[in-house]
Amino acid sequence: MAEGYGKIYLKDLVDVYSAGTEKHGLNPHMLKVMEEDGVNMSGHFSKTLDELGEINFDFVVTLCGDAYENCPLYLKKTTLLHRGFKDPAKVKGSEEEILKEFRRIRDLIKDFIRNELRNIVEKKL
């Protein structure tokens, strides 16, 4: 979700990349709620940091505790920003309860990137 919104709301400021500590594939609930918001994620794929090569990042943003705690030391030498969001993929319940949580987290991430992160990046550049 973060990569999708980052490529929309930060595209005029930075190149946006996304990677996780593990590959999980694209969650079908994530795809559905992003599509509901007009963001097509079908061209995206799950990747790890190793797959991004040796990019010199100006900013590293972690969105879950696991990513922050396992962030490689060399990335911590750049501007590192952490905002923890609950992982909606871990929610149990009915299909509608799961989608409701995915929508809630989607909206929180969208708001964070569109407003707070954009302001931080603009001030640092």
Protein backbone atom coordinates (compact mmCIF):
# COMPACT_ATOMS: atom_id res chain seq x y z
CA MET A 1 0.00 0.00 0.00
CA ALA A 2 2.79 2.40 0.94
CA GLU A 3 4.57 1.98 -2.38
CA GLY A 4 1.36 2.59 -4.30
CA TYR A 5 0.58 5.81 -2.43
CA GLY A 6 4.22 6.88 -2.37
CA LYS A 7 4.36 6.71 -6.17
CA ILE A 8 1.26 8.90 -6.31
CA TYR A 9 1.93 11.51 -3.61
CA LEU A 10 5.74 11.68 -3.62
CA LYS A 11 6.54 11.12 -7.31
CA ASP A 12 7.58 14.74 -7.85
CA LEU A 13 10.02 14.59 -4.91
CA VAL A 14 11.65 11.16 -4.70
CA ASP A 15 11.88 7.75 -6.32
CA VAL A 16 9.83 5.32 -4.25
CA TYR A 17 10.85 1.73 -3.55
CA SER A 18 9.27 -0.82 -1.26
CA ALA A 19 10.73 -3.93 0.30
CA GLY A 20 10.01 -6.11 3.26
CA THR A 21 11.98 -8.29 5.60
CA GLU A 22 10.38 -11.32 3.90
CA LYS A 23 8.56 -12.00 0.63
CA HIS A 24 4.87 -12.73 1.09
CA GLY A 25 3.39 -12.04 -2.31
CA LEU A 26 0.57 -9.57 -2.85
CA ASN A 27 -2.31 -10.00 -0.45
CA PRO A 28 -5.63 -10.22 -2.34
CA HIS A 29 -7.36 -8.12 0.34
CA MET A 30 -4.76 -5.38 -0.16
CA LEU A 31 -5.26 -5.50 -3.92
CA LYS A 32 -9.03 -5.18 -3.47
CA VAL A 33 -8.99 -2.20 -1.10
CA MET A 34 -6.37 -0.36 -3.14
CA GLU A 35 -8.42 -0.92 -6.29
CA GLU A 36 -11.44 0.50 -4.43
CA ASP A 37 -9.39 3.67 -3.92
CA GLY A 38 -8.38 3.80 -7.59
CA VAL A 39 -4.83 2.48 -7.12
CA ASN A 40 -3.90 -0.41 -9.40
CA MET A 41 -1.27 -2.54 -7.65
CA SER A 42 -1.19 -5.36 -10.20
CA GLY A 43 2.25 -4.34 -11.50
CA HIS A 44 3.76 -4.42 -8.03
CA PHE A 45 5.39 -7.45 -6.46
CA SER A 46 6.72 -8.51 -3.09
CA LYS A 47 10.47 -8.04 -2.74
CA THR A 48 13.19 -7.94 -0.13
CA LEU A 49 15.79 -5.23 0.39
CA ASP A 50 18.46 -7.44 -1.18
CA GLU A 51 16.53 -7.30 -4.46
CA LEU A 52 16.77 -3.51 -4.63
CA GLY A 53 20.53 -3.59 -5.15
CA GLU A 54 22.85 -0.92 -3.85
CA ILE A 55 20.63 2.14 -3.94
CA ASN A 56 21.80 5.06 -1.79
CA PHE A 57 18.57 5.95 -0.05
CA ASP A 58 17.98 9.51 1.16
CA PHE A 59 15.05 8.38 3.32
CA VAL A 60 14.05 5.04 4.76
CA VAL A 61 10.54 4.69 6.13
CA THR A 62 9.48 1.65 8.10
CA LEU A 63 5.81 1.00 8.70
CA CYS A 64 5.87 -1.98 11.04
CA GLY A 65 7.88 -2.90 14.10
CA ASP A 66 9.50 -5.92 12.46
CA ALA A 67 10.89 -3.83 9.62
CA TYR A 68 12.20 -1.19 12.01
CA GLU A 69 13.81 -3.71 14.36
CA ASN A 70 15.41 -5.62 11.47
CA CYS A 71 16.46 -2.61 9.43
CA PRO A 72 20.05 -3.19 8.26
CA LEU A 73 22.63 -1.04 9.99
CA TYR A 74 23.72 0.72 6.79
CA LEU A 75 20.16 2.00 6.26
CA LYS A 76 20.13 3.51 9.73
CA LYS A 77 22.87 5.89 8.58
CA THR A 78 20.37 7.78 6.45
CA THR A 79 17.21 9.63 7.48
CA LEU A 80 15.17 6.87 9.10
CA LEU A 81 11.53 7.44 9.94
CA HIS A 82 9.33 4.87 11.63
CA ARG A 83 5.55 4.88 11.82
CA GLY A 84 4.01 1.72 13.13
CA PHE A 85 0.81 0.44 11.60
CA LYS A 86 -0.99 -2.74 12.57
CA ASP A 87 -0.53 -5.47 9.95
CA PRO A 88 -4.01 -6.05 8.50
CA ALA A 89 -2.89 -9.39 7.07
CA LYS A 90 -2.83 -10.75 10.62
CA VAL A 91 -6.51 -9.94 11.29
CA LYS A 92 -8.82 -12.90 11.80
CA GLY A 93 -12.54 -12.83 11.18
CA SER A 94 -15.09 -12.75 8.41
CA GLU A 95 -14.22 -11.50 4.95
CA GLU A 96 -15.97 -8.20 5.71
CA GLU A 97 -14.13 -7.78 9.04
CA ILE A 98 -10.80 -8.39 7.33
CA LEU A 99 -11.61 -5.95 4.51
CA LYS A 100 -12.75 -3.36 7.04
CA GLU A 101 -9.36 -3.53 8.77
CA PHE A 102 -7.50 -3.38 5.45
CA ARG A 103 -9.49 -0.25 4.54
CA ARG A 104 -8.74 1.35 7.91
CA ILE A 105 -5.01 0.72 7.60
CA ARG A 106 -5.05 1.76 3.93
CA ASP A 107 -6.57 5.10 4.88
CA LEU A 108 -4.07 5.64 7.70
CA ILE A 109 -1.12 4.89 5.41
CA LYS A 110 -2.54 7.09 2.65
CA ASP A 111 -3.00 10.00 5.06
CA PHE A 112 0.49 9.53 6.51
CA ILE A 113 2.15 9.54 3.08
CA ARG A 114 0.03 12.29 1.53
CA ASN A 115 0.41 14.67 4.45
CA GLU A 116 3.02 13.93 7.10
CA LEU A 117 5.65 12.14 5.01
CA ARG A 118 5.31 14.55 2.11
CA ASN A 119 5.90 17.49 4.49
CA ILE A 120 8.95 15.78 6.02
CA VAL A 121 10.47 15.03 2.62
CA GLU A 122 9.85 18.57 1.34
CA LYS A 123 11.62 20.05 4.38
CA LYS A 124 14.63 17.73 4.01
CA LEU A 125 15.19 18.39 0.30
